[in-house]
Amino acid sequence: MPADLNEKVNRYEDMLKRALQKAKYIPIPNSHMRAVAEDYYTMATAYYKDGIYFLENGDPVNALASFSYGHAWLDAGAKLGVFVVDDETLFTI
């Protein structure tokens, strides 16, 4: 079982890292929706950093949860329309 957990953690970490690189803001600067996009992206980035911290400290379960939550913020932003995305393997578009 641990090998399966480690594989999943690595896969989700990579998926979130790639999604962070691909998600681009759509809303115009200084708009309410731009602030929403920035907040969603900030949350995703924070969860990515948390996941890395948990990995470095031997806690793959919380790392997986962090990477999953981080990706959920980006995916929700894509659905809301505050990110332009073009990758069906990273986002539910």
N, C-alpha and C. Protein backbone atom coordinates (compact mmCIF):
# COMPACT_ATOMS: atom_id res chain seq x y z
N MET A 1 0.81 -1.21 0.00
CA MET A 1 0.00 0.00 0.00
C MET A 1 0.85 1.28 0.00
N PRO A 2 1.92 1.39 0.78
CA PRO A 2 2.71 2.62 0.76
C PRO A 2 3.22 3.01 -0.63
N ALA A 3 3.58 2.02 -1.44
CA ALA A 3 4.05 2.36 -2.79
C ALA A 3 2.94 3.04 -3.58
N ASP A 4 1.70 2.57 -3.42
CA ASP A 4 0.58 3.19 -4.10
C ASP A 4 0.37 4.62 -3.61
N LEU A 5 0.50 4.85 -2.32
CA LEU A 5 0.35 6.19 -1.76
C LEU A 5 1.43 7.11 -2.31
N ASN A 6 2.67 6.64 -2.31
CA ASN A 6 3.77 7.47 -2.80
C ASN A 6 3.60 7.82 -4.28
N GLU A 7 3.15 6.85 -5.07
CA GLU A 7 2.92 7.10 -6.49
C GLU A 7 1.83 8.15 -6.67
N LYS A 8 0.79 8.05 -5.89
CA LYS A 8 -0.33 8.99 -6.00
C LYS A 8 0.10 10.39 -5.56
N VAL A 9 0.86 10.47 -4.48
CA VAL A 9 1.35 11.76 -4.01
C VAL A 9 2.20 12.42 -5.10
N ASN A 10 3.11 11.66 -5.69
CA ASN A 10 3.97 12.21 -6.74
C ASN A 10 3.16 12.65 -7.95
N ARG A 11 2.15 11.87 -8.31
CA ARG A 11 1.31 12.21 -9.46
C ARG A 11 0.52 13.49 -9.19
N TYR A 12 -0.05 13.62 -8.00
CA TYR A 12 -0.84 14.81 -7.68
C TYR A 12 0.05 16.04 -7.53
N GLU A 13 1.24 15.86 -7.00
CA GLU A 13 2.18 16.99 -6.90
C GLU A 13 2.52 17.50 -8.29
N ASP A 14 2.82 16.59 -9.19
CA ASP A 14 3.15 16.97 -10.57
C ASP A 14 1.96 17.63 -11.26
N MET A 15 0.78 17.09 -11.04
CA MET A 15 -0.42 17.64 -11.67
C MET A 15 -0.67 19.07 -11.20
N LEU A 16 -0.54 19.32 -9.90
CA LEU A 16 -0.75 20.67 -9.37
C LEU A 16 0.33 21.62 -9.88
N LYS A 17 1.57 21.16 -9.90
CA LYS A 17 2.66 22.01 -10.39
C LYS A 17 2.40 22.44 -11.84
N ARG A 18 1.99 21.48 -12.69
CA ARG A 18 1.71 21.80 -14.08
C ARG A 18 0.49 22.70 -14.22
N ALA A 19 -0.53 22.47 -13.40
CA ALA A 19 -1.73 23.30 -13.45
C ALA A 19 -1.42 24.74 -13.03
N LEU A 20 -0.56 24.91 -12.04
CA LEU A 20 -0.16 26.26 -11.63
C LEU A 20 0.54 26.99 -12.77
N GLN A 21 1.32 26.27 -13.55
CA GLN A 21 2.02 26.89 -14.67
C GLN A 21 1.08 27.24 -15.81
N LYS A 22 0.01 26.49 -15.98
CA LYS A 22 -0.90 26.68 -17.12
C LYS A 22 -2.03 27.66 -16.84
N ALA A 23 -2.46 27.79 -15.61
CA ALA A 23 -3.61 28.66 -15.30
C ALA A 23 -3.21 30.12 -15.47
N LYS A 24 -3.91 30.81 -16.35
CA LYS A 24 -3.65 32.24 -16.61
C LYS A 24 -4.91 33.03 -16.29
N TYR A 25 -4.72 34.19 -15.67
CA TYR A 25 -5.86 35.05 -15.31
C TYR A 25 -6.57 35.55 -16.56
N ILE A 26 -7.91 35.57 -16.50
CA ILE A 26 -8.72 36.14 -17.57
C ILE A 26 -9.21 37.54 -17.23
N PRO A 27 -9.71 37.77 -16.01
CA PRO A 27 -10.34 39.07 -15.71
C PRO A 27 -9.38 40.26 -15.87
N ILE A 28 -9.98 41.39 -16.17
CA ILE A 28 -9.19 42.61 -16.33
C ILE A 28 -8.60 43.02 -14.98
N PRO A 29 -7.43 43.67 -15.01
CA PRO A 29 -6.82 44.12 -13.76
C PRO A 29 -7.76 45.04 -12.98
N ASN A 30 -7.62 45.01 -11.69
CA ASN A 30 -8.37 45.85 -10.75
C ASN A 30 -9.87 45.58 -10.73
N SER A 31 -10.30 44.46 -11.25
CA SER A 31 -11.72 44.10 -11.19
C SER A 31 -11.95 43.14 -10.03
N HIS A 32 -13.21 43.02 -9.63
CA HIS A 32 -13.55 42.08 -8.57
C HIS A 32 -13.16 40.65 -8.95
N MET A 33 -13.44 40.27 -10.20
CA MET A 33 -13.13 38.91 -10.63
C MET A 33 -11.63 38.67 -10.72
N ARG A 34 -10.85 39.70 -10.98
CA ARG A 34 -9.39 39.55 -10.96
C ARG A 34 -8.94 39.23 -9.54
N ALA A 35 -9.55 39.89 -8.56
CA ALA A 35 -9.22 39.61 -7.16
C ALA A 35 -9.59 38.17 -6.81
N VAL A 36 -10.71 37.69 -7.33
CA VAL A 36 -11.11 36.30 -7.11
C VAL A 36 -10.06 35.36 -7.71
N ALA A 37 -9.64 35.64 -8.94
CA ALA A 37 -8.63 34.80 -9.60
C ALA A 37 -7.34 34.78 -8.79
N GLU A 38 -6.93 35.95 -8.33
CA GLU A 38 -5.70 36.03 -7.54
C GLU A 38 -5.83 35.25 -6.23
N ASP A 39 -6.98 35.35 -5.59
CA ASP A 39 -7.21 34.61 -4.34
C ASP A 39 -7.17 33.10 -4.60
N TYR A 40 -7.83 32.64 -5.65
CA TYR A 40 -7.83 31.21 -5.97
C TYR A 40 -6.42 30.73 -6.26
N TYR A 41 -5.67 31.51 -7.02
CA TYR A 41 -4.30 31.12 -7.37
C TYR A 41 -3.41 31.11 -6.12
N THR A 42 -3.60 32.10 -5.27
CA THR A 42 -2.83 32.17 -4.02
C THR A 42 -3.11 30.95 -3.14
N MET A 43 -4.39 30.56 -3.05
CA MET A 43 -4.74 29.38 -2.27
C MET A 43 -4.10 28.13 -2.85
N ALA A 44 -4.16 27.98 -4.17
CA ALA A 44 -3.56 26.81 -4.81
C ALA A 44 -2.06 26.76 -4.56
N THR A 45 -1.41 27.91 -4.65
CA THR A 45 0.03 27.98 -4.41
C THR A 45 0.36 27.64 -2.95
N ALA A 46 -0.44 28.14 -2.04
CA ALA A 46 -0.21 27.86 -0.62
C ALA A 46 -0.36 26.36 -0.33
N TYR A 47 -1.38 25.74 -0.93
CA TYR A 47 -1.55 24.30 -0.73
C TYR A 47 -0.41 23.51 -1.37
N TYR A 48 0.11 24.00 -2.49
CA TYR A 48 1.27 23.33 -3.10
C TYR A 48 2.46 23.37 -2.14
N LYS A 49 2.72 24.55 -1.59
CA LYS A 49 3.84 24.70 -0.65
C LYS A 49 3.63 23.85 0.60
N ASP A 50 2.40 23.79 1.08
CA ASP A 50 2.10 22.93 2.23
C ASP A 50 2.39 21.47 1.90
N GLY A 51 1.97 21.05 0.70
CA GLY A 51 2.21 19.67 0.28
C GLY A 51 3.69 19.34 0.26
N ILE A 52 4.49 20.26 -0.27
CA ILE A 52 5.94 20.05 -0.29
C ILE A 52 6.47 19.95 1.14
N TYR A 53 6.00 20.81 2.02
CA TYR A 53 6.42 20.76 3.42
C TYR A 53 6.10 19.39 4.02
N PHE A 54 4.86 18.91 3.80
CA PHE A 54 4.48 17.62 4.36
C PHE A 54 5.33 16.50 3.78
N LEU A 55 5.62 16.56 2.49
CA LEU A 55 6.48 15.55 1.88
C LEU A 55 7.86 15.53 2.53
N GLU A 56 8.43 16.71 2.69
CA GLU A 56 9.77 16.82 3.27
C GLU A 56 9.81 16.36 4.72
N ASN A 57 8.65 16.34 5.37
CA ASN A 57 8.58 15.95 6.77
C ASN A 57 7.92 14.59 6.98
N GLY A 58 7.91 13.78 5.91
CA GLY A 58 7.47 12.40 6.02
C GLY A 58 5.99 12.19 6.26
N ASP A 59 5.16 13.09 5.74
CA ASP A 59 3.72 12.98 5.93
C ASP A 59 3.02 12.95 4.57
N PRO A 60 3.07 11.81 3.88
CA PRO A 60 2.50 11.75 2.53
C PRO A 60 0.98 11.88 2.50
N VAL A 61 0.29 11.50 3.55
CA VAL A 61 -1.17 11.61 3.57
C VAL A 61 -1.59 13.07 3.51
N ASN A 62 -1.01 13.91 4.35
CA ASN A 62 -1.34 15.33 4.32
C ASN A 62 -0.79 16.02 3.08
N ALA A 63 0.31 15.51 2.54
CA ALA A 63 0.82 16.05 1.28
C ALA A 63 -0.19 15.82 0.17
N LEU A 64 -0.72 14.60 0.10
CA LEU A 64 -1.72 14.28 -0.92
C LEU A 64 -2.96 15.16 -0.75
N ALA A 65 -3.41 15.33 0.47
CA ALA A 65 -4.58 16.19 0.71
C ALA A 65 -4.30 17.61 0.27
N SER A 66 -3.12 18.12 0.57
CA SER A 66 -2.76 19.49 0.18
C SER A 66 -2.72 19.65 -1.34
N PHE A 67 -2.10 18.71 -2.01
CA PHE A 67 -2.03 18.80 -3.47
C PHE A 67 -3.43 18.70 -4.08
N SER A 68 -4.28 17.87 -3.51
CA SER A 68 -5.64 17.72 -4.01
C SER A 68 -6.45 19.00 -3.81
N TYR A 69 -6.36 19.58 -2.62
CA TYR A 69 -7.08 20.83 -2.35
C TYR A 69 -6.56 21.96 -3.24
N GLY A 70 -5.25 22.03 -3.41
CA GLY A 70 -4.68 23.06 -4.27
C GLY A 70 -5.20 22.97 -5.69
N HIS A 71 -5.25 21.76 -6.19
CA HIS A 71 -5.75 21.58 -7.56
C HIS A 71 -7.23 21.93 -7.63
N ALA A 72 -7.97 21.64 -6.59
CA ALA A 72 -9.40 21.95 -6.58
C ALA A 72 -9.64 23.46 -6.70
N TRP A 73 -8.78 24.27 -6.08
CA TRP A 73 -8.92 25.73 -6.20
C TRP A 73 -8.74 26.16 -7.66
N LEU A 74 -7.75 25.60 -8.32
CA LEU A 74 -7.53 25.97 -9.73
C LEU A 74 -8.65 25.47 -10.62
N ASP A 75 -9.10 24.26 -10.37
CA ASP A 75 -10.17 23.70 -11.18
C ASP A 75 -11.46 24.50 -10.99
N ALA A 76 -11.73 24.90 -9.76
CA ALA A 76 -12.91 25.73 -9.50
C ALA A 76 -12.79 27.08 -10.21
N GLY A 77 -11.60 27.65 -10.21
CA GLY A 77 -11.39 28.91 -10.92
C GLY A 77 -11.58 28.77 -12.41
N ALA A 78 -11.16 27.64 -12.96
CA ALA A 78 -11.35 27.39 -14.39
C ALA A 78 -12.83 27.27 -14.69
N LYS A 79 -13.57 26.57 -13.84
CA LYS A 79 -15.02 26.43 -14.03
C LYS A 79 -15.73 27.77 -13.89
N LEU A 80 -15.26 28.59 -12.96
CA LEU A 80 -15.85 29.91 -12.74
C LEU A 80 -15.54 30.86 -13.89
N GLY A 81 -14.46 30.58 -14.59
CA GLY A 81 -14.09 31.42 -15.72
C GLY A 81 -13.08 32.50 -15.41
N VAL A 82 -12.34 32.34 -14.30
CA VAL A 82 -11.33 33.34 -13.97
C VAL A 82 -9.93 32.93 -14.43
N PHE A 83 -9.81 31.70 -14.93
CA PHE A 83 -8.56 31.23 -15.52
C PHE A 83 -8.84 30.73 -16.93
N VAL A 84 -7.94 31.02 -17.82
CA VAL A 84 -8.01 30.41 -19.14
C VAL A 84 -7.13 29.16 -19.07
N VAL A 85 -7.70 28.04 -19.46
CA VAL A 85 -6.99 26.77 -19.44
C VAL A 85 -7.32 26.01 -20.72
N ASP A 86 -6.39 25.18 -21.15
CA ASP A 86 -6.62 24.45 -22.40
C ASP A 86 -6.18 23.00 -22.33
N ASP A 87 -6.14 22.45 -21.14
CA ASP A 87 -5.63 21.10 -20.95
C ASP A 87 -6.67 20.23 -20.24
N GLU A 88 -7.31 19.36 -20.98
CA GLU A 88 -8.36 18.52 -20.41
C GLU A 88 -7.81 17.46 -19.45
N THR A 89 -6.50 17.24 -19.47
CA THR A 89 -5.93 16.27 -18.53
C THR A 89 -5.67 16.91 -17.17
N LEU A 90 -5.61 18.24 -17.12
CA LEU A 90 -5.36 18.93 -15.85
C LEU A 90 -6.60 19.60 -15.27
N PHE A 91 -7.57 19.92 -16.11
CA PHE A 91 -8.74 20.65 -15.66
C PHE A 91 -10.00 19.99 -16.19
N THR A 92 -11.10 20.15 -15.47
CA THR A 92 -12.38 19.62 -15.95
C THR A 92 -13.05 20.70 -16.80
N ILE A 93 -12.59 20.78 -18.05
CA ILE A 93 -13.12 21.79 -18.97
C ILE A 93 -13.96 21.13 -20.05
